[in-house]
PDB file of all heavy atoms in Angstrom:
ATOM      1  N   CYS A   1      98.779  95.128 115.771  1.00  0.00           N
ATOM      2  CA  CYS A   1     100.007  95.928 115.818  1.00  0.00           C
ATOM      3  C   CYS A   1      99.825  97.393 115.432  1.00  0.00           C
ATOM      4  O   CYS A   1     100.795  98.154 115.422  1.00  0.00           O
ATOM      5  CB  CYS A   1     101.098  95.336 114.923  1.00  0.00           C
ATOM      6  SG  CYS A   1     101.443  93.601 115.189  1.00  0.00           S
ATOM      7  N   ALA A   2      98.616  97.840 115.113  1.00  0.00           N
ATOM      8  CA  ALA A   2      98.411  99.210 114.632  1.00  0.00           C
ATOM      9  C   ALA A   2      98.904 100.248 115.635  1.00  0.00           C
ATOM     10  O   ALA A   2      99.393 101.315 115.245  1.00  0.00           O
ATOM     11  CB  ALA A   2      96.941  99.448 114.313  1.00  0.00           C
ATOM     12  N   ALA A   3      98.807  99.946 116.922  1.00  0.00           N
ATOM     13  CA  ALA A   3      99.216 100.903 117.949  1.00  0.00           C
ATOM     14  C   ALA A   3     100.714 101.154 117.946  1.00  0.00           C
ATOM     15  O   ALA A   3     101.185 102.097 118.592  1.00  0.00           O
ATOM     16  CB  ALA A   3      98.779 100.427 119.334  1.00  0.00           C
ATOM     17  N   GLN A   4     101.480 100.338 117.212  1.00  0.00           N
ATOM     18  CA  GLN A   4     102.923 100.556 117.134  1.00  0.00           C
ATOM     19  C   GLN A   4     103.254 101.964 116.658  1.00  0.00           C
ATOM     20  O   GLN A   4     104.255 102.560 117.061  1.00  0.00           O
ATOM     21  CB  GLN A   4     103.547  99.538 116.188  1.00  0.00           C
ATOM     22  CG  GLN A   4     105.052  99.637 116.041  1.00  0.00           C
ATOM     23  CD  GLN A   4     105.777  99.189 117.292  1.00  0.00           C
ATOM     24  OE1 GLN A   4     105.977  98.015 117.542  1.00  0.00           O
ATOM     25  NE2 GLN A   4     106.198 100.150 118.105  1.00  0.00           N
ATOM     26  N   ARG A   5     102.395 102.530 115.800  1.00  0.00           N
ATOM     27  CA  ARG A   5     102.673 103.860 115.252  1.00  0.00           C
ATOM     28  C   ARG A   5     102.761 104.920 116.345  1.00  0.00           C
ATOM     29  O   ARG A   5     103.427 105.938 116.174  1.00  0.00           O
ATOM     30  CB  ARG A   5     101.621 104.238 114.209  1.00  0.00           C
ATOM     31  CG  ARG A   5     100.313 104.724 114.759  1.00  0.00           C
ATOM     32  CD  ARG A   5      99.263 104.894 113.691  1.00  0.00           C
ATOM     33  NE  ARG A   5      98.623 103.624 113.359  1.00  0.00           N
ATOM     34  CZ  ARG A   5      97.695 103.476 112.409  1.00  0.00           C
ATOM     35  NH1 ARG A   5      97.333 104.499 111.680  1.00  0.00           N
ATOM     36  NH2 ARG A   5      97.146 102.310 112.180  1.00  0.00           N
ATOM     37  N   LEU A   6     102.080 104.707 117.457  1.00  0.00           N
ATOM     38  CA  LEU A   6     102.142 105.661 118.556  1.00  0.00           C
ATOM     39  C   LEU A   6     103.540 105.736 119.167  1.00  0.00           C
ATOM     40  O   LEU A   6     103.892 106.737 119.788  1.00  0.00           O
ATOM     41  CB  LEU A   6     101.143 105.279 119.642  1.00  0.00           C
ATOM     42  CG  LEU A   6      99.655 105.314 119.277  1.00  0.00           C
ATOM     43  CD1 LEU A   6      98.819 104.757 120.422  1.00  0.00           C
ATOM     44  CD2 LEU A   6      99.216 106.728 118.929  1.00  0.00           C
ATOM     45  N   PHE A   7     104.327 104.692 119.005  1.00  0.00           N
ATOM     46  CA  PHE A   7     105.620 104.605 119.668  1.00  0.00           C
ATOM     47  C   PHE A   7     106.798 104.932 118.749  1.00  0.00           C
ATOM     48  O   PHE A   7     107.949 104.825 119.165  1.00  0.00           O
ATOM     49  CB  PHE A   7     105.794 103.199 120.269  1.00  0.00           C
ATOM     50  CG  PHE A   7     104.835 102.906 121.381  1.00  0.00           C
ATOM     51  CD1 PHE A   7     103.557 102.441 121.109  1.00  0.00           C
ATOM     52  CD2 PHE A   7     105.190 103.134 122.708  1.00  0.00           C
ATOM     53  CE1 PHE A   7     102.649 102.189 122.133  1.00  0.00           C
ATOM     54  CE2 PHE A   7     104.290 102.887 123.731  1.00  0.00           C
ATOM     55  CZ  PHE A   7     103.022 102.413 123.451  1.00  0.00           C
ATOM     56  N   LEU A   8     106.525 105.350 117.531  1.00  0.00           N
ATOM     57  CA  LEU A   8     107.607 105.656 116.591  1.00  0.00           C
ATOM     58  C   LEU A   8     108.541 106.757 117.095  1.00  0.00           C
ATOM     59  O   LEU A   8     109.760 106.651 116.932  1.00  0.00           O
ATOM     60  CB  LEU A   8     107.026 106.018 115.227  1.00  0.00           C
ATOM     61  CG  LEU A   8     106.229 104.900 114.533  1.00  0.00           C
ATOM     62  CD1 LEU A   8     105.692 105.386 113.199  1.00  0.00           C
ATOM     63  CD2 LEU A   8     107.073 103.651 114.342  1.00  0.00           C
ATOM     64  N   PRO A   9     108.026 107.839 117.716  1.00  0.00           N
ATOM     65  CA  PRO A   9     108.958 108.862 118.225  1.00  0.00           C
ATOM     66  C   PRO A   9     109.909 108.316 119.292  1.00  0.00           C
ATOM     67  O   PRO A   9     111.031 108.808 119.433  1.00  0.00           O
ATOM     68  CB  PRO A   9     108.027 109.933 118.817  1.00  0.00           C
ATOM     69  CG  PRO A   9     106.717 109.723 118.115  1.00  0.00           C
ATOM     70  CD  PRO A   9     106.621 108.243 117.904  1.00  0.00           C
ATOM     71  N   VAL A  10     109.449 107.323 120.039  1.00  0.00           N
ATOM     72  CA  VAL A  10     110.250 106.751 121.124  1.00  0.00           C
ATOM     73  C   VAL A  10     111.303 105.798 120.578  1.00  0.00           C
ATOM     74  O   VAL A  10     112.453 105.773 121.038  1.00  0.00           O
ATOM     75  CB  VAL A  10     109.336 106.007 122.121  1.00  0.00           C
ATOM     76  CG1 VAL A  10     110.154 105.398 123.246  1.00  0.00           C
ATOM     77  CG2 VAL A  10     108.268 106.936 122.664  1.00  0.00           C
ATOM     78  N   ILE A  11     110.938 105.011 119.573  1.00  0.00           N
ATOM     79  CA  ILE A  11     111.835 103.984 119.041  1.00  0.00           C
ATOM     80  C   ILE A  11     112.868 104.578 118.092  1.00  0.00           C
ATOM     81  O   ILE A  11     114.058 104.247 118.153  1.00  0.00           O
ATOM     82  CB  ILE A  11     111.020 102.895 118.324  1.00  0.00           C
ATOM     83  CG1 ILE A  11     110.073 102.205 119.309  1.00  0.00           C
ATOM     84  CG2 ILE A  11     111.946 101.869 117.664  1.00  0.00           C
ATOM     85  CD1 ILE A  11     109.052 101.298 118.656  1.00  0.00           C
ATOM     86  N   LEU A  12     112.437 105.456 117.202  1.00  0.00           N
ATOM     87  CA  LEU A  12     113.333 106.005 116.171  1.00  0.00           C
ATOM     88  C   LEU A  12     113.997 107.288 116.667  1.00  0.00           C
ATOM     89  O   LEU A  12     113.798 108.375 116.129  1.00  0.00           O
ATOM     90  CB  LEU A  12     112.549 106.251 114.881  1.00  0.00           C
ATOM     91  CG  LEU A  12     111.866 105.015 114.280  1.00  0.00           C
ATOM     92  CD1 LEU A  12     111.039 105.391 113.063  1.00  0.00           C
ATOM     93  CD2 LEU A  12     112.893 103.946 113.929  1.00  0.00           C
ATOM     94  N   LYS A  13     114.792 107.147 117.693  1.00  0.00           N
ATOM     95  CA  LYS A  13     115.377 108.310 118.365  1.00  0.00           C
ATOM     96  C   LYS A  13     116.364 109.069 117.493  1.00  0.00           C
ATOM     97  O   LYS A  13     116.632 110.250 117.727  1.00  0.00           O
ATOM     98  CB  LYS A  13     116.064 107.863 119.666  1.00  0.00           C
ATOM     99  CG  LYS A  13     115.104 107.328 120.717  1.00  0.00           C
ATOM    100  CD  LYS A  13     115.831 106.990 121.991  1.00  0.00           C
ATOM    101  CE  LYS A  13     114.898 106.406 123.047  1.00  0.00           C
ATOM    102  NZ  LYS A  13     113.846 107.343 123.456  1.00  0.00           N
ATOM    103  N   ASP A  14     116.930 108.409 116.487  1.00  0.00           N
ATOM    104  CA  ASP A  14     117.914 109.073 115.637  1.00  0.00           C
ATOM    105  C   ASP A  14     117.287 109.629 114.354  1.00  0.00           C
ATOM    106  O   ASP A  14     118.012 110.097 113.474  1.00  0.00           O
ATOM    107  CB  ASP A  14     119.040 108.102 115.279  1.00  0.00           C
ATOM    108  CG  ASP A  14     118.535 106.864 114.545  1.00  0.00           C
ATOM    109  OD1 ASP A  14     117.326 106.568 114.636  1.00  0.00           O
ATOM    110  OD2 ASP A  14     119.351 106.174 113.888  1.00  0.00           O
ATOM    111  N   VAL A  15     115.956 109.580 114.249  1.00  0.00           N
ATOM    112  CA  VAL A  15     115.263 110.092 113.070  1.00  0.00           C
ATOM    113  C   VAL A  15     114.609 111.421 113.424  1.00  0.00           C
ATOM    114  O   VAL A  15     113.869 111.509 114.405  1.00  0.00           O
ATOM    115  CB  VAL A  15     114.198 109.093 112.570  1.00  0.00           C
ATOM    116  CG1 VAL A  15     113.412 109.673 111.393  1.00  0.00           C
ATOM    117  CG2 VAL A  15     114.859 107.775 112.175  1.00  0.00           C
ATOM    118  N   ASP A  16     114.878 112.446 112.615  1.00  0.00           N
ATOM    119  CA  ASP A  16     114.323 113.771 112.887  1.00  0.00           C
ATOM    120  C   ASP A  16     112.871 113.876 112.439  1.00  0.00           C
ATOM    121  O   ASP A  16     112.008 114.307 113.198  1.00  0.00           O
ATOM    122  CB  ASP A  16     115.156 114.842 112.184  1.00  0.00           C
ATOM    123  CG  ASP A  16     114.548 116.224 112.328  1.00  0.00           C
ATOM    124  OD1 ASP A  16     114.531 116.744 113.461  1.00  0.00           O
ATOM    125  OD2 ASP A  16     114.067 116.771 111.321  1.00  0.00           O
ATOM    126  N   SER A  17     112.582 113.491 111.195  1.00  0.00           N
ATOM    127  CA  SER A  17     111.225 113.591 110.654  1.00  0.00           C
ATOM    128  C   SER A  17     110.861 112.293 109.954  1.00  0.00           C
ATOM    129  O   SER A  17     111.736 111.570 109.460  1.00  0.00           O
ATOM    130  CB  SER A  17     111.110 114.766 109.682  1.00  0.00           C
ATOM    131  OG  SER A  17     111.332 115.988 110.355  1.00  0.00           O
ATOM    132  N   LEU A  18     109.546 112.020 109.869  1.00  0.00           N
ATOM    133  CA  LEU A  18     109.099 110.707 109.414  1.00  0.00           C
ATOM    134  C   LEU A  18     107.737 110.818 108.749  1.00  0.00           C
ATOM    135  O   LEU A  18     106.874 111.578 109.190  1.00  0.00           O
ATOM    136  CB  LEU A  18     108.991 109.764 110.618  1.00  0.00           C
ATOM    137  CG  LEU A  18     108.596 108.312 110.344  1.00  0.00           C
ATOM    138  CD1 LEU A  18     109.765 107.549 109.738  1.00  0.00           C
ATOM    139  CD2 LEU A  18     108.160 107.637 111.646  1.00  0.00           C
ATOM    140  N   LEU A  19     107.561 110.038 107.671  1.00  0.00           N
ATOM    141  CA  LEU A  19     106.247 109.855 107.079  1.00  0.00           C
ATOM    142  C   LEU A  19     105.792 108.447 107.400  1.00  0.00           C
ATOM    143  O   LEU A  19     106.416 107.473 106.984  1.00  0.00           O
ATOM    144  CB  LEU A  19     106.292 110.055 105.561  1.00  0.00           C
ATOM    145  CG  LEU A  19     104.987 109.785 104.805  1.00  0.00           C
ATOM    146  CD1 LEU A  19     103.899 110.762 105.229  1.00  0.00           C
ATOM    147  CD2 LEU A  19     105.205 109.832 103.298  1.00  0.00           C
ATOM    148  N   TYR A  20     104.705 108.330 108.173  1.00  0.00           N
ATOM    149  CA  TYR A  20     104.107 107.022 108.449  1.00  0.00           C
ATOM    150  C   TYR A  20     102.940 106.816 107.496  1.00  0.00           C
ATOM    151  O   TYR A  20     102.127 107.731 107.283  1.00  0.00           O
ATOM    152  CB  TYR A  20     103.596 106.924 109.891  1.00  0.00           C
ATOM    153  CG  TYR A  20     102.690 105.713 110.048  1.00  0.00           C
ATOM    154  CD1 TYR A  20     103.225 104.461 110.335  1.00  0.00           C
ATOM    155  CD2 TYR A  20     101.314 105.824 109.838  1.00  0.00           C
ATOM    156  CE1 TYR A  20     102.402 103.347 110.414  1.00  0.00           C
ATOM    157  CE2 TYR A  20     100.500 104.710 109.917  1.00  0.00           C
ATOM    158  CZ  TYR A  20     101.040 103.482 110.197  1.00  0.00           C
ATOM    159  OH  TYR A  20     100.238 102.378 110.254  1.00  0.00           O
ATOM    160  N   VAL A  21     102.833 105.609 106.929  1.00  0.00           N
ATOM    161  CA  VAL A  21     101.686 105.284 106.086  1.00  0.00           C
ATOM    162  C   VAL A  21     101.179 103.891 106.416  1.00  0.00           C
ATOM    163  O   VAL A  21     101.955 102.999 106.764  1.00  0.00           O
ATOM    164  CB  VAL A  21     102.021 105.369 104.575  1.00  0.00           C
ATOM    165  CG1 VAL A  21     102.371 106.787 104.172  1.00  0.00           C
ATOM    166  CG2 VAL A  21     103.139 104.421 104.197  1.00  0.00           C
ATOM    167  N   ASP A  22      99.874 103.695 106.288  1.00  0.00           N
ATOM    168  CA  ASP A  22      99.283 102.367 106.418  1.00  0.00           C
ATOM    169  C   ASP A  22      99.683 101.495 105.232  1.00  0.00           C
ATOM    170  O   ASP A  22     100.076 101.992 104.173  1.00  0.00           O
ATOM    171  CB  ASP A  22      97.753 102.470 106.477  1.00  0.00           C
ATOM    172  CG  ASP A  22      97.235 102.818 107.866  1.00  0.00           C
ATOM    173  OD1 ASP A  22      98.023 102.780 108.828  1.00  0.00           O
ATOM    174  OD2 ASP A  22      96.029 103.137 107.973  1.00  0.00           O
ATOM    175  N   THR A  23      99.510 100.198 105.399  1.00  0.00           N
ATOM    176  CA  THR A  23      99.906  99.260 104.345  1.00  0.00           C
ATOM    177  C   THR A  23      99.066  99.386 103.085  1.00  0.00           C
ATOM    178  O   THR A  23      99.512  99.016 102.001  1.00  0.00           O
ATOM    179  CB  THR A  23      99.803  97.814 104.854  1.00  0.00           C
ATOM    180  OG1 THR A  23      98.442  97.545 105.243  1.00  0.00           O
ATOM    181  CG2 THR A  23     100.715  97.590 106.055  1.00  0.00           C
ATOM    182  N   ASP A  24      97.844  99.909 103.184  1.00  0.00           N
ATOM    183  CA  ASP A  24      96.950  99.956 102.022  1.00  0.00           C
ATOM    184  C   ASP A  24      97.042 101.274 101.248  1.00  0.00           C
ATOM    185  O   ASP A  24      96.214 101.545 100.388  1.00  0.00           O
ATOM    186  CB  ASP A  24      95.502  99.705 102.441  1.00  0.00           C
ATOM    187  CG  ASP A  24      94.980 100.722 103.446  1.00  0.00           C
ATOM    188  OD1 ASP A  24      95.766 101.575 103.907  1.00  0.00           O
ATOM    189  OD2 ASP A  24      93.785 100.663 103.783  1.00  0.00           O
ATOM    190  N   VAL A  25      98.049 102.083 101.542  1.00  0.00           N
ATOM    191  CA  VAL A  25      98.270 103.311 100.783  1.00  0.00           C
ATOM    192  C   VAL A  25      98.981 102.972  99.469  1.00  0.00           C
ATOM    193  O   VAL A  25      99.844 102.093  99.412  1.00  0.00           O
ATOM    194  CB  VAL A  25      99.118 104.314 101.595  1.00  0.00           C
ATOM    195  CG1 VAL A  25      99.631 105.444 100.732  1.00  0.00           C
ATOM    196  CG2 VAL A  25      98.292 104.866 102.750  1.00  0.00           C
ATOM    197  N   LEU A  26      98.617 103.663  98.394  1.00  0.00           N
ATOM    198  CA  LEU A  26      99.284 103.505  97.111  1.00  0.00           C
ATOM    199  C   LEU A  26      99.721 104.886  96.627  1.00  0.00           C
ATOM    200  O   LEU A  26      98.894 105.795  96.507  1.00  0.00           O
ATOM    201  CB  LEU A  26      98.333 102.874  96.091  1.00  0.00           C
ATOM    202  CG  LEU A  26      98.929 102.547  94.720  1.00  0.00           C
ATOM    203  CD1 LEU A  26     100.000 101.459  94.840  1.00  0.00           C
ATOM    204  CD2 LEU A  26      97.830 102.124  93.758  1.00  0.00           C
ATOM    205  N   PHE A  27     101.014 105.060  96.373  1.00  0.00           N
ATOM    206  CA  PHE A  27     101.526 106.345  95.906  1.00  0.00           C
ATOM    207  C   PHE A  27     101.375 106.451  94.393  1.00  0.00           C
ATOM    208  O   PHE A  27     101.803 105.560  93.652  1.00  0.00           O
ATOM    209  CB  PHE A  27     102.998 106.505  96.294  1.00  0.00           C
ATOM    210  CG  PHE A  27     103.210 106.711  97.770  1.00  0.00           C
ATOM    211  CD1 PHE A  27     103.487 105.644  98.609  1.00  0.00           C
ATOM    212  CD2 PHE A  27     103.122 107.979  98.315  1.00  0.00           C
ATOM    213  CE1 PHE A  27     103.671 105.835  99.967  1.00  0.00           C
ATOM    214  CE2 PHE A  27     103.309 108.185  99.674  1.00  0.00           C
ATOM    215  CZ  PHE A  27     103.582 107.112 100.498  1.00  0.00           C
ATOM    216  N   LEU A  28     100.785 107.548  93.947  1.00  0.00           N
ATOM    217  CA  LEU A  28     100.618 107.820  92.531  1.00  0.00           C
ATOM    218  C   LEU A  28     101.387 109.067  92.100  1.00  0.00           C
ATOM    219  O   LEU A  28     101.236 109.523  90.965  1.00  0.00           O
ATOM    220  CB  LEU A  28      99.132 107.984  92.196  1.00  0.00           C
ATOM    221  CG  LEU A  28      98.247 106.773  92.503  1.00  0.00           C
ATOM    222  CD1 LEU A  28      96.801 107.066  92.160  1.00  0.00           C
ATOM    223  CD2 LEU A  28      98.730 105.539  91.750  1.00  0.00           C
ATOM    224  N   ARG A  29     102.175 109.597  93.000  1.00  0.00           N
ATOM    225  CA  ARG A  29     103.004 110.776  92.728  1.00  0.00           C
ATOM    226  C   ARG A  29     104.201 110.703  93.673  1.00  0.00           C
ATOM    227  O   ARG A  29     104.213 109.901  94.612  1.00  0.00           O
ATOM    228  CB  ARG A  29     102.203 112.067  92.946  1.00  0.00           C
ATOM    229  CG  ARG A  29     101.609 112.189  94.337  1.00  0.00           C
ATOM    230  CD  ARG A  29     100.558 113.269  94.413  1.00  0.00           C
ATOM    231  NE  ARG A  29     101.142 114.588  94.300  1.00  0.00           N
ATOM    232  CZ  ARG A  29     100.428 115.711  94.408  1.00  0.00           C
ATOM    233  NH1 ARG A  29      99.115 115.645  94.598  1.00  0.00           N
ATOM    234  NH2 ARG A  29     101.012 116.894  94.313  1.00  0.00           N
ATOM    235  N   PRO A  30     105.229 111.517  93.466  1.00  0.00           N
ATOM    236  CA  PRO A  30     106.429 111.408  94.297  1.00  0.00           C
ATOM    237  C   PRO A  30     106.146 111.609  95.792  1.00  0.00           C
ATOM    238  O   PRO A  30     105.376 112.501  96.173  1.00  0.00           O
ATOM    239  CB  PRO A  30     107.329 112.520  93.756  1.00  0.00           C
ATOM    240  CG  PRO A  30     106.883 112.719  92.354  1.00  0.00           C
ATOM    241  CD  PRO A  30     105.402 112.502  92.380  1.00  0.00           C
ATOM    242  N   VAL A  31     106.791 110.783  96.605  1.00  0.00           N
ATOM    243  CA  VAL A  31     106.701 110.956  98.054  1.00  0.00           C
ATOM    244  C   VAL A  31     107.239 112.330  98.448  1.00  0.00           C
ATOM    245  O   VAL A  31     106.812 112.907  99.454  1.00  0.00           O
ATOM    246  CB  VAL A  31     107.499 109.851  98.782  1.00  0.00           C
ATOM    247  CG1 VAL A  31     107.267 109.915 100.287  1.00  0.00           C
ATOM    248  CG2 VAL A  31     107.150 108.481  98.247  1.00  0.00           C
ATOM    249  N   ASP A  32     108.140 112.852  97.639  1.00  0.00           N
ATOM    250  CA  ASP A  32     108.721 114.170  97.892  1.00  0.00           C
ATOM    251  C   ASP A  32     107.639 115.244  98.061  1.00  0.00           C
ATOM    252  O   ASP A  32     107.829 116.208  98.815  1.00  0.00           O
ATOM    253  CB  ASP A  32     109.636 114.579  96.743  1.00  0.00           C
ATOM    254  CG  ASP A  32     110.570 113.467  96.318  1.00  0.00           C
ATOM    255  OD1 ASP A  32     110.081 112.391  95.941  1.00  0.00           O
ATOM    256  OD2 ASP A  32     111.788 113.685  96.353  1.00  0.00           O
ATOM    257  N   ASP A  33     106.514 115.091  97.353  1.00  0.00           N
ATOM    258  CA  ASP A  33     105.464 116.108  97.403  1.00  0.00           C
ATOM    259  C   ASP A  33     104.866 116.246  98.795  1.00  0.00           C
ATOM    260  O   ASP A  33     104.485 117.337  99.222  1.00  0.00           O
ATOM    261  CB  ASP A  33     104.351 115.772  96.399  1.00  0.00           C
ATOM    262  CG  ASP A  33     104.795 115.965  94.960  1.00  0.00           C
ATOM    263  OD1 ASP A  33     105.891 116.515  94.748  1.00  0.00           O
ATOM    264  OD2 ASP A  33     104.063 115.549  94.045  1.00  0.00           O
ATOM    265  N   ILE A  34     104.750 115.141  99.498  1.00  0.00           N
ATOM    266  CA  ILE A  34     104.206 115.194 100.851  1.00  0.00           C
ATOM    267  C   ILE A  34     105.316 115.543 101.851  1.00  0.00           C
ATOM    268  O   ILE A  34     105.086 116.232 102.840  1.00  0.00           O
ATOM    269  CB  ILE A  34     103.512 113.863 101.202  1.00  0.00           C
ATOM    270  CG1 ILE A  34     102.328 114.097 102.132  1.00  0.00           C
ATOM    271  CG2 ILE A  34     104.418 112.856 101.819  1.00  0.00           C
ATOM    272  CD1 ILE A  34     101.469 112.854 102.323  1.00  0.00           C
TER     273      ILE A  34
END
């Protein structure tokens, strides 16, 4: 299913901006920073 990320602009038509992350990412600081 990794290729699903290629289709996010097409599917999420009502979303202006987006942060995509893989499942193995771990946040150690606010998401706001990115």
